[in-house]
Amino acid sequence: MAYYITKLIITALLIVLISEIAKRSSIAGAILAAIPLVSILAMTWMYIDTNSSLKAVEFSKSIIWLIAPSMTLFIVFPILIEKGIGFYLSMIISIVLTVLAYYSVILLLEKLGIRI
């Protein structure tokens, strides 16, 4: 149980740290947020949990296919905000469209015989 609490604390601290840095410098926050910290943490926890680097490799390869659809959020969100749509509604629409983009890519890959 202490291990899970440690994982939660470290992960949460990184997210809070990045958001605090972004308040002071959007470029510094963006650089830190662009570093795939969540993926790095997930692969690290996965390795610690399983002692298998192969699991981290499989995870990493799956992420590669999902990079392009994840851009949906970062393209759609600012467009909606600039069009005068409120923050929360813009965020919800952007998330829904991103999930649909993920789903579309996964279906396309399956049709092409690529398993992620």
PDB file of N, CA and C in Angstrom:
ATOM      1  N   MET A   1       0.829  -1.197   0.000  1.00  0.00           N
ATOM      2  CA  MET A   1       0.000   0.000   0.000  1.00  0.00           C
ATOM      3  C   MET A   1       0.870   1.257   0.000  1.00  0.00           C
ATOM      4  N   ALA A   2       1.954   1.234   0.752  1.00  0.00           N
ATOM      5  CA  ALA A   2       2.847   2.397   0.802  1.00  0.00           C
ATOM      6  C   ALA A   2       3.445   2.681  -0.575  1.00  0.00           C
ATOM      7  N   TYR A   3       3.689   1.619  -1.338  1.00  0.00           N
ATOM      8  CA  TYR A   3       4.234   1.771  -2.687  1.00  0.00           C
ATOM      9  C   TYR A   3       3.261   2.533  -3.583  1.00  0.00           C
ATOM     10  N   TYR A   4       1.975   2.193  -3.532  1.00  0.00           N
ATOM     11  CA  TYR A   4       0.966   2.873  -4.342  1.00  0.00           C
ATOM     12  C   TYR A   4       0.807   4.329  -3.921  1.00  0.00           C
ATOM     13  N   ILE A   5       0.868   4.578  -2.644  1.00  0.00           N
ATOM     14  CA  ILE A   5       0.787   5.954  -2.144  1.00  0.00           C
ATOM     15  C   ILE A   5       1.992   6.749  -2.628  1.00  0.00           C
ATOM     16  N   THR A   6       3.172   6.146  -2.608  1.00  0.00           N
ATOM     17  CA  THR A   6       4.388   6.805  -3.112  1.00  0.00           C
ATOM     18  C   THR A   6       4.245   7.125  -4.590  1.00  0.00           C
ATOM     19  N   LYS A   7       3.731   6.168  -5.378  1.00  0.00           N
ATOM     20  CA  LYS A   7       3.512   6.400  -6.801  1.00  0.00           C
ATOM     21  C   LYS A   7       2.551   7.565  -7.017  1.00  0.00           C
ATOM     22  N   LEU A   8       1.470   7.582  -6.265  1.00  0.00           N
ATOM     23  CA  LEU A   8       0.480   8.662  -6.386  1.00  0.00           C
ATOM     24  C   LEU A   8       1.083  10.018  -6.034  1.00  0.00           C
ATOM     25  N   ILE A   9       1.834  10.068  -4.962  1.00  0.00           N
ATOM     26  CA  ILE A   9       2.426  11.332  -4.519  1.00  0.00           C
ATOM     27  C   ILE A   9       3.422  11.857  -5.541  1.00  0.00           C
ATOM     28  N   ILE A  10       4.315  10.999  -6.021  1.00  0.00           N
ATOM     29  CA  ILE A  10       5.311  11.436  -7.009  1.00  0.00           C
ATOM     30  C   ILE A  10       4.630  11.926  -8.278  1.00  0.00           C
ATOM     31  N   THR A  11       3.657  11.178  -8.775  1.00  0.00           N
ATOM     32  CA  THR A  11       2.948  11.544  -9.992  1.00  0.00           C
ATOM     33  C   THR A  11       2.193  12.861  -9.811  1.00  0.00           C
ATOM     34  N   ALA A  12       1.476  12.991  -8.706  1.00  0.00           N
ATOM     35  CA  ALA A  12       0.725  14.215  -8.447  1.00  0.00           C
ATOM     36  C   ALA A  12       1.644  15.422  -8.285  1.00  0.00           C
ATOM     37  N   LEU A  13       2.753  15.232  -7.593  1.00  0.00           N
ATOM     38  CA  LEU A  13       3.702  16.333  -7.409  1.00  0.00           C
ATOM     39  C   LEU A  13       4.237  16.847  -8.747  1.00  0.00           C
ATOM     40  N   LEU A  14       4.517  15.948  -9.670  1.00  0.00           N
ATOM     41  CA  LEU A  14       5.003  16.375 -10.980  1.00  0.00           C
ATOM     42  C   LEU A  14       3.955  17.200 -11.727  1.00  0.00           C
ATOM     43  N   ILE A  15       2.715  16.783 -11.680  1.00  0.00           N
ATOM     44  CA  ILE A  15       1.644  17.513 -12.355  1.00  0.00           C
ATOM     45  C   ILE A  15       1.472  18.895 -11.731  1.00  0.00           C
ATOM     46  N   VAL A  16       1.455  18.962 -10.416  1.00  0.00           N
ATOM     47  CA  VAL A  16       1.324  20.251  -9.726  1.00  0.00           C
ATOM     48  C   VAL A  16       2.516  21.145 -10.040  1.00  0.00           C
ATOM     49  N   LEU A  17       3.710  20.582 -10.016  1.00  0.00           N
ATOM     50  CA  LEU A  17       4.924  21.348 -10.315  1.00  0.00           C
ATOM     51  C   LEU A  17       4.858  21.946 -11.717  1.00  0.00           C
ATOM     52  N   ILE A  18       4.473  21.157 -12.692  1.00  0.00           N
ATOM     53  CA  ILE A  18       4.379  21.661 -14.064  1.00  0.00           C
ATOM     54  C   ILE A  18       3.340  22.762 -14.167  1.00  0.00           C
ATOM     55  N   SER A  19       2.194  22.595 -13.540  1.00  0.00           N
ATOM     56  CA  SER A  19       1.166  23.640 -13.622  1.00  0.00           C
ATOM     57  C   SER A  19       1.607  24.928 -12.930  1.00  0.00           C
ATOM     58  N   GLU A  20       2.357  24.810 -11.845  1.00  0.00           N
ATOM     59  CA  GLU A  20       2.873  25.999 -11.159  1.00  0.00           C
ATOM     60  C   GLU A  20       3.933  26.699 -12.005  1.00  0.00           C
ATOM     61  N   ILE A  21       4.788  25.928 -12.638  1.00  0.00           N
ATOM     62  CA  ILE A  21       5.809  26.519 -13.517  1.00  0.00           C
ATOM     63  C   ILE A  21       5.135  27.196 -14.707  1.00  0.00           C
ATOM     64  N   ALA A  22       4.102  26.572 -15.250  1.00  0.00           N
ATOM     65  CA  ALA A  22       3.383  27.142 -16.401  1.00  0.00           C
ATOM     66  C   ALA A  22       2.716  28.474 -16.059  1.00  0.00           C
ATOM     67  N   LYS A  23       2.318  28.671 -14.800  1.00  0.00           N
ATOM     68  CA  LYS A  23       1.739  29.956 -14.389  1.00  0.00           C
ATOM     69  C   LYS A  23       2.752  31.079 -14.529  1.00  0.00           C
ATOM     70  N   ARG A  24       3.998  30.759 -14.276  1.00  0.00           N
ATOM     71  CA  ARG A  24       5.060  31.767 -14.317  1.00  0.00           C
ATOM     72  C   ARG A  24       5.656  31.925 -15.711  1.00  0.00           C
ATOM     73  N   SER A  25       5.749  30.816 -16.448  1.00  0.00           N
ATOM     74  CA  SER A  25       6.325  30.842 -17.784  1.00  0.00           C
ATOM     75  C   SER A  25       5.624  29.787 -18.634  1.00  0.00           C
ATOM     76  N   SER A  26       4.802  30.246 -19.560  1.00  0.00           N
ATOM     77  CA  SER A  26       4.063  29.282 -20.374  1.00  0.00           C
ATOM     78  C   SER A  26       5.005  28.424 -21.217  1.00  0.00           C
ATOM     79  N   ILE A  27       6.116  28.990 -21.687  1.00  0.00           N
ATOM     80  CA  ILE A  27       7.040  28.196 -22.505  1.00  0.00           C
ATOM     81  C   ILE A  27       7.735  27.121 -21.661  1.00  0.00           C
ATOM     82  N   ALA A  28       8.148  27.478 -20.449  1.00  0.00           N
ATOM     83  CA  ALA A  28       8.782  26.478 -19.574  1.00  0.00           C
ATOM     84  C   ALA A  28       7.782  25.382 -19.211  1.00  0.00           C
ATOM     85  N   GLY A  29       6.562  25.783 -18.898  1.00  0.00           N
ATOM     86  CA  GLY A  29       5.518  24.805 -18.595  1.00  0.00           C
ATOM     87  C   GLY A  29       5.221  23.920 -19.795  1.00  0.00           C
ATOM     88  N   ALA A  30       5.185  24.526 -20.984  1.00  0.00           N
ATOM     89  CA  ALA A  30       4.915  23.763 -22.209  1.00  0.00           C
ATOM     90  C   ALA A  30       6.026  22.760 -22.487  1.00  0.00           C
ATOM     91  N   ILE A  31       7.262  23.176 -22.289  1.00  0.00           N
ATOM     92  CA  ILE A  31       8.383  22.253 -22.506  1.00  0.00           C
ATOM     93  C   ILE A  31       8.273  21.063 -21.550  1.00  0.00           C
ATOM     94  N   LEU A  32       8.021  21.357 -20.280  1.00  0.00           N
ATOM     95  CA  LEU A  32       7.887  20.272 -19.301  1.00  0.00           C
ATOM     96  C   LEU A  32       6.682  19.384 -19.600  1.00  0.00           C
ATOM     97  N   ALA A  33       5.587  19.999 -20.022  1.00  0.00           N
ATOM     98  CA  ALA A  33       4.391  19.213 -20.329  1.00  0.00           C
ATOM     99  C   ALA A  33       4.583  18.404 -21.608  1.00  0.00           C
ATOM    100  N   ALA A  34       5.389  18.918 -22.543  1.00  0.00           N
ATOM    101  CA  ALA A  34       5.618  18.210 -23.807  1.00  0.00           C
ATOM    102  C   ALA A  34       6.502  16.984 -23.610  1.00  0.00           C
ATOM    103  N   ILE A  35       7.349  17.034 -22.596  1.00  0.00           N
ATOM    104  CA  ILE A  35       8.135  15.845 -22.264  1.00  0.00           C
ATOM    105  C   ILE A  35       7.127  14.798 -21.805  1.00  0.00           C
ATOM    106  N   PRO A  36       7.174  13.634 -22.349  1.00  0.00           N
ATOM    107  CA  PRO A  36       6.142  12.642 -21.992  1.00  0.00           C
ATOM    108  C   PRO A  36       6.343  12.077 -20.584  1.00  0.00           C
ATOM    109  N   LEU A  37       6.201  12.962 -19.594  1.00  0.00           N
ATOM    110  CA  LEU A  37       6.429  12.554 -18.207  1.00  0.00           C
ATOM    111  C   LEU A  37       5.492  11.440 -17.756  1.00  0.00           C
ATOM    112  N   VAL A  38       4.239  11.525 -18.167  1.00  0.00           N
ATOM    113  CA  VAL A  38       3.290  10.491 -17.758  1.00  0.00           C
ATOM    114  C   VAL A  38       3.727   9.147 -18.341  1.00  0.00           C
ATOM    115  N   SER A  39       4.141   9.158 -19.588  1.00  0.00           N
ATOM    116  CA  SER A  39       4.612   7.905 -20.206  1.00  0.00           C
ATOM    117  C   SER A  39       5.882   7.407 -19.533  1.00  0.00           C
ATOM    118  N   ILE A  40       6.782   8.320 -19.239  1.00  0.00           N
ATOM    119  CA  ILE A  40       8.024   7.942 -18.557  1.00  0.00           C
ATOM    120  C   ILE A  40       7.709   7.333 -17.189  1.00  0.00           C
ATOM    121  N   LEU A  41       6.824   7.998 -16.455  1.00  0.00           N
ATOM    122  CA  LEU A  41       6.437   7.461 -15.145  1.00  0.00           C
ATOM    123  C   LEU A  41       5.760   6.099 -15.292  1.00  0.00           C
ATOM    124  N   ALA A  42       4.851   5.986 -16.255  1.00  0.00           N
ATOM    125  CA  ALA A  42       4.145   4.717 -16.444  1.00  0.00           C
ATOM    126  C   ALA A  42       5.114   3.590 -16.780  1.00  0.00           C
ATOM    127  N   MET A  43       6.071   3.874 -17.676  1.00  0.00           N
ATOM    128  CA  MET A  43       7.052   2.841 -18.032  1.00  0.00           C
ATOM    129  C   MET A  43       7.945   2.490 -16.836  1.00  0.00           C
ATOM    130  N   THR A  44       8.301   3.514 -16.063  1.00  0.00           N
ATOM    131  CA  THR A  44       9.136   3.273 -14.879  1.00  0.00           C
ATOM    132  C   THR A  44       8.388   2.425 -13.865  1.00  0.00           C
ATOM    133  N   TRP A  45       7.130   2.804 -13.560  1.00  0.00           N
ATOM    134  CA  TRP A  45       6.338   2.025 -12.595  1.00  0.00           C
ATOM    135  C   TRP A  45       6.122   0.615 -13.136  1.00  0.00           C
ATOM    136  N   MET A  46       5.877   0.496 -14.450  1.00  0.00           N
ATOM    137  CA  MET A  46       5.665  -0.810 -15.061  1.00  0.00           C
ATOM    138  C   MET A  46       6.907  -1.696 -14.884  1.00  0.00           C
ATOM    139  N   TYR A  47       8.061  -1.109 -15.119  1.00  0.00           N
ATOM    140  CA  TYR A  47       9.307  -1.867 -14.972  1.00  0.00           C
ATOM    141  C   TYR A  47       9.523  -2.283 -13.512  1.00  0.00           C
ATOM    142  N   ILE A  48       9.307  -1.333 -12.607  1.00  0.00           N
ATOM    143  CA  ILE A  48       9.479  -1.646 -11.181  1.00  0.00           C
ATOM    144  C   ILE A  48       8.504  -2.745 -10.763  1.00  0.00           C
ATOM    145  N   ASP A  49       7.264  -2.673 -11.253  1.00  0.00           N
ATOM    146  CA  ASP A  49       6.244  -3.654 -10.884  1.00  0.00           C
ATOM    147  C   ASP A  49       6.506  -5.037 -11.472  1.00  0.00           C
ATOM    148  N   THR A  50       6.995  -5.081 -12.720  1.00  0.00           N
ATOM    149  CA  THR A  50       7.116  -6.370 -13.408  1.00  0.00           C
ATOM    150  C   THR A  50       8.554  -6.837 -13.595  1.00  0.00           C
ATOM    151  N   ASN A  51       9.513  -5.923 -13.423  1.00  0.00           N
ATOM    152  CA  ASN A  51      10.928  -6.201 -13.681  1.00  0.00           C
ATOM    153  C   ASN A  51      11.144  -6.680 -15.120  1.00  0.00           C
ATOM    154  N   SER A  52      10.275  -6.178 -16.011  1.00  0.00           N
ATOM    155  CA  SER A  52      10.345  -6.554 -17.422  1.00  0.00           C
ATOM    156  C   SER A  52      10.428  -5.297 -18.282  1.00  0.00           C
ATOM    157  N   SER A  53      11.543  -5.135 -18.946  1.00  0.00           N
ATOM    158  CA  SER A  53      11.671  -3.991 -19.845  1.00  0.00           C
ATOM    159  C   SER A  53      10.838  -4.204 -21.106  1.00  0.00           C
ATOM    160  N   LEU A  54      10.486  -5.443 -21.415  1.00  0.00           N
ATOM    161  CA  LEU A  54       9.673  -5.729 -22.600  1.00  0.00           C
ATOM    162  C   LEU A  54       8.278  -5.111 -22.496  1.00  0.00           C
ATOM    163  N   LYS A  55       7.711  -5.095 -21.307  1.00  0.00           N
ATOM    164  CA  LYS A  55       6.400  -4.456 -21.110  1.00  0.00           C
ATOM    165  C   LYS A  55       6.494  -2.969 -21.437  1.00  0.00           C
ATOM    166  N   ALA A  56       7.561  -2.339 -21.000  1.00  0.00           N
ATOM    167  CA  ALA A  56       7.762  -0.913 -21.280  1.00  0.00           C
ATOM    168  C   ALA A  56       7.962  -0.678 -22.770  1.00  0.00           C
ATOM    169  N   VAL A  57       8.646  -1.601 -23.435  1.00  0.00           N
ATOM    170  CA  VAL A  57       8.857  -1.488 -24.887  1.00  0.00           C
ATOM    171  C   VAL A  57       7.522  -1.607 -25.619  1.00  0.00           C
ATOM    172  N   GLU A  58       6.698  -2.584 -25.261  1.00  0.00           N
ATOM    173  CA  GLU A  58       5.373  -2.748 -25.877  1.00  0.00           C
ATOM    174  C   GLU A  58       4.535  -1.492 -25.680  1.00  0.00           C
ATOM    175  N   PHE A  59       4.549  -0.976 -24.473  1.00  0.00           N
ATOM    176  CA  PHE A  59       3.818   0.240 -24.138  1.00  0.00           C
ATOM    177  C   PHE A  59       4.300   1.410 -25.000  1.00  0.00           C
ATOM    178  N   SER A  60       5.602   1.558 -25.101  1.00  0.00           N
ATOM    179  CA  SER A  60       6.201   2.636 -25.875  1.00  0.00           C
ATOM    180  C   SER A  60       5.817   2.542 -27.349  1.00  0.00           C
ATOM    181  N   LYS A  61       5.842   1.341 -27.900  1.00  0.00           N
ATOM    182  CA  LYS A  61       5.471   1.155 -29.304  1.00  0.00           C
ATOM    183  C   LYS A  61       4.001   1.483 -29.543  1.00  0.00           C
ATOM    184  N   SER A  62       3.157   1.159 -28.585  1.00  0.00           N
ATOM    185  CA  SER A  62       1.732   1.484 -28.715  1.00  0.00           C
ATOM    186  C   SER A  62       1.513   2.989 -28.710  1.00  0.00           C
ATOM    187  N   ILE A  63       2.270   3.689 -27.887  1.00  0.00           N
ATOM    188  CA  ILE A  63       2.135   5.145 -27.791  1.00  0.00           C
ATOM    189  C   ILE A  63       2.458   5.820 -29.120  1.00  0.00           C
ATOM    190  N   ILE A  64       3.445   5.300 -29.832  1.00  0.00           N
ATOM    191  CA  ILE A  64       3.853   5.905 -31.106  1.00  0.00           C
ATOM    192  C   ILE A  64       2.658   6.073 -32.032  1.00  0.00           C
ATOM    193  N   TRP A  65       1.799   5.058 -32.111  1.00  0.00           N
ATOM    194  CA  TRP A  65       0.644   5.105 -32.998  1.00  0.00           C
ATOM    195  C   TRP A  65      -0.390   6.134 -32.549  1.00  0.00           C
ATOM    196  N   LEU A  66      -0.351   6.521 -31.287  1.00  0.00           N
ATOM    197  CA  LEU A  66      -1.380   7.411 -30.747  1.00  0.00           C
ATOM    198  C   LEU A  66      -0.918   8.861 -30.608  1.00  0.00           C
ATOM    199  N   ILE A  67       0.285   9.160 -31.047  1.00  0.00           N
ATOM    200  CA  ILE A  67       0.772  10.542 -30.970  1.00  0.00           C
ATOM    201  C   ILE A  67      -0.040  11.464 -31.864  1.00  0.00           C
ATOM    202  N   ALA A  68      -0.241  11.070 -33.116  1.00  0.00           N
ATOM    203  CA  ALA A  68      -0.970  11.932 -34.059  1.00  0.00           C
ATOM    204  C   ALA A  68      -2.383  12.267 -33.587  1.00  0.00           C
ATOM    205  N   PRO A  69      -3.195  11.269 -33.174  1.00  0.00           N
ATOM    206  CA  PRO A  69      -4.538  11.642 -32.726  1.00  0.00           C
ATOM    207  C   PRO A  69      -4.544  12.482 -31.442  1.00  0.00           C
ATOM    208  N   SER A  70      -3.490  12.383 -30.642  1.00  0.00           N
ATOM    209  CA  SER A  70      -3.458  13.200 -29.422  1.00  0.00           C
ATOM    210  C   SER A  70      -3.316  14.685 -29.754  1.00  0.00           C
ATOM    211  N   MET A  71      -2.822  14.983 -30.934  1.00  0.00           N
ATOM    212  CA  MET A  71      -2.684  16.385 -31.353  1.00  0.00           C
ATOM    213  C   MET A  71      -4.041  17.058 -31.529  1.00  0.00           C
ATOM    214  N   THR A  72      -5.092  16.261 -31.683  1.00  0.00           N
ATOM    215  CA  THR A  72      -6.441  16.799 -31.844  1.00  0.00           C
ATOM    216  C   THR A  72      -6.771  17.774 -30.725  1.00  0.00           C
ATOM    217  N   LEU A  73      -6.472  17.393 -29.502  1.00  0.00           N
ATOM    218  CA  LEU A  73      -6.776  18.256 -28.357  1.00  0.00           C
ATOM    219  C   LEU A  73      -6.073  19.606 -28.472  1.00  0.00           C
ATOM    220  N   PHE A  74      -4.800  19.578 -28.843  1.00  0.00           N
ATOM    221  CA  PHE A  74      -3.999  20.807 -28.873  1.00  0.00           C
ATOM    222  C   PHE A  74      -4.301  21.678 -30.079  1.00  0.00           C
ATOM    223  N   ILE A  75      -4.957  21.114 -31.074  1.00  0.00           N
ATOM    224  CA  ILE A  75      -5.383  21.901 -32.237  1.00  0.00           C
ATOM    225  C   ILE A  75      -6.778  22.467 -32.007  1.00  0.00           C
ATOM    226  N   VAL A  76      -7.697  21.623 -31.558  1.00  0.00           N
ATOM    227  CA  VAL A  76      -9.101  22.014 -31.414  1.00  0.00           C
ATOM    228  C   VAL A  76      -9.313  22.978 -30.251  1.00  0.00           C
ATOM    229  N   PHE A  77      -8.702  22.699 -29.106  1.00  0.00           N
ATOM    230  CA  PHE A  77      -8.940  23.525 -27.914  1.00  0.00           C
ATOM    231  C   PHE A  77      -8.684  25.014 -28.156  1.00  0.00           C
ATOM    232  N   PRO A  78      -7.514  25.420 -28.655  1.00  0.00           N
ATOM    233  CA  PRO A  78      -7.314  26.858 -28.855  1.00  0.00           C
ATOM    234  C   PRO A  78      -8.240  27.464 -29.900  1.00  0.00           C
ATOM    235  N   ILE A  79      -8.602  26.674 -30.915  1.00  0.00           N
ATOM    236  CA  ILE A  79      -9.533  27.187 -31.933  1.00  0.00           C
ATOM    237  C   ILE A  79     -10.871  27.507 -31.290  1.00  0.00           C
ATOM    238  N   LEU A  80     -11.365  26.600 -30.459  1.00  0.00           N
ATOM    239  CA  LEU A  80     -12.658  26.815 -29.797  1.00  0.00           C
ATOM    240  C   LEU A  80     -12.611  28.012 -28.846  1.00  0.00           C
ATOM    241  N   ILE A  81     -11.537  28.121 -28.085  1.00  0.00           N
ATOM    242  CA  ILE A  81     -11.394  29.258 -27.161  1.00  0.00           C
ATOM    243  C   ILE A  81     -11.377  30.564 -27.940  1.00  0.00           C
ATOM    244  N   GLU A  82     -10.624  30.605 -29.049  1.00  0.00           N
ATOM    245  CA  GLU A  82     -10.537  31.819 -29.869  1.00  0.00           C
ATOM    246  C   GLU A  82     -11.866  32.161 -30.528  1.00  0.00           C
ATOM    247  N   LYS A  83     -12.729  31.162 -30.697  1.00  0.00           N
ATOM    248  CA  LYS A  83     -14.061  31.396 -31.258  1.00  0.00           C
ATOM    249  C   LYS A  83     -15.049  31.861 -30.180  1.00  0.00           C
ATOM    250  N   GLY A  84     -14.575  31.976 -28.947  1.00  0.00           N
ATOM    251  CA  GLY A  84     -15.412  32.494 -27.872  1.00  0.00           C
ATOM    252  C   GLY A  84     -16.171  31.443 -27.083  1.00  0.00           C
ATOM    253  N   ILE A  85     -15.873  30.191 -27.324  1.00  0.00           N
ATOM    254  CA  ILE A  85     -16.524  29.128 -26.557  1.00  0.00           C
ATOM    255  C   ILE A  85     -15.833  29.056 -25.199  1.00  0.00           C
ATOM    256  N   GLY A  86     -16.586  28.848 -24.152  1.00  0.00           N
ATOM    257  CA  GLY A  86     -16.048  28.823 -22.791  1.00  0.00           C
ATOM    258  C   GLY A  86     -15.009  27.731 -22.576  1.00  0.00           C
ATOM    259  N   PHE A  87     -14.206  27.918 -21.550  1.00  0.00           N
ATOM    260  CA  PHE A  87     -13.104  27.002 -21.258  1.00  0.00           C
ATOM    261  C   PHE A  87     -13.578  25.558 -21.097  1.00  0.00           C
ATOM    262  N   TYR A  88     -14.522  25.325 -20.201  1.00  0.00           N
ATOM    263  CA  TYR A  88     -14.935  23.959 -19.891  1.00  0.00           C
ATOM    264  C   TYR A  88     -15.593  23.274 -21.083  1.00  0.00           C
ATOM    265  N   LEU A  89     -16.443  24.000 -21.808  1.00  0.00           N
ATOM    266  CA  LEU A  89     -17.072  23.414 -22.981  1.00  0.00           C
ATOM    267  C   LEU A  89     -16.021  23.118 -24.061  1.00  0.00           C
ATOM    268  N   SER A  90     -15.081  24.028 -24.238  1.00  0.00           N
ATOM    269  CA  SER A  90     -13.998  23.804 -25.196  1.00  0.00           C
ATOM    270  C   SER A  90     -13.179  22.577 -24.809  1.00  0.00           C
ATOM    271  N   MET A  91     -12.906  22.432 -23.526  1.00  0.00           N
ATOM    272  CA  MET A  91     -12.133  21.292 -23.053  1.00  0.00           C
ATOM    273  C   MET A  91     -12.900  19.988 -23.289  1.00  0.00           C
ATOM    274  N   ILE A  92     -14.181  19.990 -22.969  1.00  0.00           N
ATOM    275  CA  ILE A  92     -14.999  18.782 -23.155  1.00  0.00           C
ATOM    276  C   ILE A  92     -15.064  18.399 -24.632  1.00  0.00           C
ATOM    277  N   ILE A  93     -15.327  19.364 -25.491  1.00  0.00           N
ATOM    278  CA  ILE A  93     -15.403  19.093 -26.939  1.00  0.00           C
ATOM    279  C   ILE A  93     -14.055  18.572 -27.437  1.00  0.00           C
ATOM    280  N   SER A  94     -12.984  19.194 -27.001  1.00  0.00           N
ATOM    281  CA  SER A  94     -11.641  18.784 -27.431  1.00  0.00           C
ATOM    282  C   SER A  94     -11.326  17.363 -26.982  1.00  0.00           C
ATOM    283  N   ILE A  95     -11.694  17.033 -25.763  1.00  0.00           N
ATOM    284  CA  ILE A  95     -11.454  15.683 -25.241  1.00  0.00           C
ATOM    285  C   ILE A  95     -12.277  14.657 -26.016  1.00  0.00           C
ATOM    286  N   VAL A  96     -13.544  14.960 -26.262  1.00  0.00           N
ATOM    287  CA  VAL A  96     -14.407  14.034 -27.008  1.00  0.00           C
ATOM    288  C   VAL A  96     -13.846  13.808 -28.412  1.00  0.00           C
ATOM    289  N   LEU A  97     -13.449  14.887 -29.088  1.00  0.00           N
ATOM    290  CA  LEU A  97     -12.881  14.747 -30.431  1.00  0.00           C
ATOM    291  C   LEU A  97     -11.562  13.975 -30.407  1.00  0.00           C
ATOM    292  N   THR A  98     -10.776  14.169 -29.365  1.00  0.00           N
ATOM    293  CA  THR A  98      -9.520  13.423 -29.238  1.00  0.00           C
ATOM    294  C   THR A  98      -9.788  11.943 -29.028  1.00  0.00           C
ATOM    295  N   VAL A  99     -10.745  11.610 -28.191  1.00  0.00           N
ATOM    296  CA  VAL A  99     -11.116  10.202 -27.979  1.00  0.00           C
ATOM    297  C   VAL A  99     -11.602   9.590 -29.291  1.00  0.00           C
ATOM    298  N   LEU A 100     -12.412  10.325 -30.053  1.00  0.00           N
ATOM    299  CA  LEU A 100     -12.872   9.836 -31.353  1.00  0.00           C
ATOM    300  C   LEU A 100     -11.698   9.647 -32.317  1.00  0.00           C
ATOM    301  N   ALA A 101     -10.725  10.545 -32.264  1.00  0.00           N
ATOM    302  CA  ALA A 101      -9.532  10.414 -33.109  1.00  0.00           C
ATOM    303  C   ALA A 101      -8.745   9.158 -32.714  1.00  0.00           C
ATOM    304  N   TYR A 102      -8.588   8.917 -31.406  1.00  0.00           N
ATOM    305  CA  TYR A 102      -7.917   7.700 -30.947  1.00  0.00           C
ATOM    306  C   TYR A 102      -8.649   6.466 -31.481  1.00  0.00           C
ATOM    307  N   TYR A 103      -9.947   6.452 -31.286  1.00  0.00           N
ATOM    308  CA  TYR A 103     -10.761   5.318 -31.705  1.00  0.00           C
ATOM    309  C   TYR A 103     -10.632   5.096 -33.210  1.00  0.00           C
ATOM    310  N   SER A 104     -10.673   6.167 -33.988  1.00  0.00           N
ATOM    311  CA  SER A 104     -10.548   6.065 -35.444  1.00  0.00           C
ATOM    312  C   SER A 104      -9.205   5.473 -35.851  1.00  0.00           C
ATOM    313  N   VAL A 105      -8.129   5.934 -35.219  1.00  0.00           N
ATOM    314  CA  VAL A 105      -6.798   5.413 -35.537  1.00  0.00           C
ATOM    315  C   VAL A 105      -6.696   3.943 -35.158  1.00  0.00           C
ATOM    316  N   ILE A 106      -7.219   3.577 -34.015  1.00  0.00           N
ATOM    317  CA  ILE A 106      -7.180   2.175 -33.588  1.00  0.00           C
ATOM    318  C   ILE A 106      -7.946   1.299 -34.570  1.00  0.00           C
ATOM    319  N   LEU A 107      -9.135   1.747 -35.001  1.00  0.00           N
ATOM    320  CA  LEU A 107      -9.907   0.982 -35.982  1.00  0.00           C
ATOM    321  C   LEU A 107      -9.160   0.872 -37.302  1.00  0.00           C
ATOM    322  N   LEU A 108      -8.566   1.960 -37.751  1.00  0.00           N
ATOM    323  CA  LEU A 108      -7.806   1.956 -39.004  1.00  0.00           C
ATOM    324  C   LEU A 108      -6.630   0.983 -38.913  1.00  0.00           C
ATOM    325  N   LEU A 109      -5.897   1.040 -37.800  1.00  0.00           N
ATOM    326  CA  LEU A 109      -4.768   0.136 -37.627  1.00  0.00           C
ATOM    327  C   LEU A 109      -5.196  -1.320 -37.625  1.00  0.00           C
ATOM    328  N   GLU A 110      -6.335  -1.605 -36.973  1.00  0.00           N
ATOM    329  CA  GLU A 110      -6.867  -2.972 -36.958  1.00  0.00           C
ATOM    330  C   GLU A 110      -7.204  -3.443 -38.373  1.00  0.00           C
ATOM    331  N   LYS A 111      -7.794  -2.553 -39.177  1.00  0.00           N
ATOM    332  CA  LYS A 111      -8.131  -2.900 -40.562  1.00  0.00           C
ATOM    333  C   LYS A 111      -6.892  -3.156 -41.387  1.00  0.00           C
ATOM    334  N   LEU A 112      -5.793  -2.471 -41.019  1.00  0.00           N
ATOM    335  CA  LEU A 112      -4.524  -2.670 -41.719  1.00  0.00           C
ATOM    336  C   LEU A 112      -3.733  -3.846 -41.164  1.00  0.00           C
ATOM    337  N   GLY A 113      -4.295  -4.495 -40.135  1.00  0.00           N
ATOM    338  CA  GLY A 113      -3.648  -5.657 -39.551  1.00  0.00           C
ATOM    339  C   GLY A 113      -2.544  -5.303 -38.552  1.00  0.00           C
ATOM    340  N   ILE A 114      -2.550  -4.066 -38.099  1.00  0.00           N
ATOM    341  CA  ILE A 114      -1.533  -3.626 -37.129  1.00  0.00           C
ATOM    342  C   ILE A 114      -2.180  -3.670 -35.750  1.00  0.00           C
ATOM    343  N   ARG A 115      -1.570  -4.425 -34.867  1.00  0.00           N
ATOM    344  CA  ARG A 115      -2.096  -4.583 -33.506  1.00  0.00           C
ATOM    345  C   ARG A 115      -1.287  -3.728 -32.546  1.00  0.00           C
ATOM    346  N   ILE A 116      -1.985  -2.894 -31.799  1.00  0.00           N
ATOM    347  CA  ILE A 116      -1.273  -2.088 -30.803  1.00  0.00           C
ATOM    348  C   ILE A 116      -1.706  -2.499 -29.415  1.00  0.00           C
TER     349      ILE A 116
END
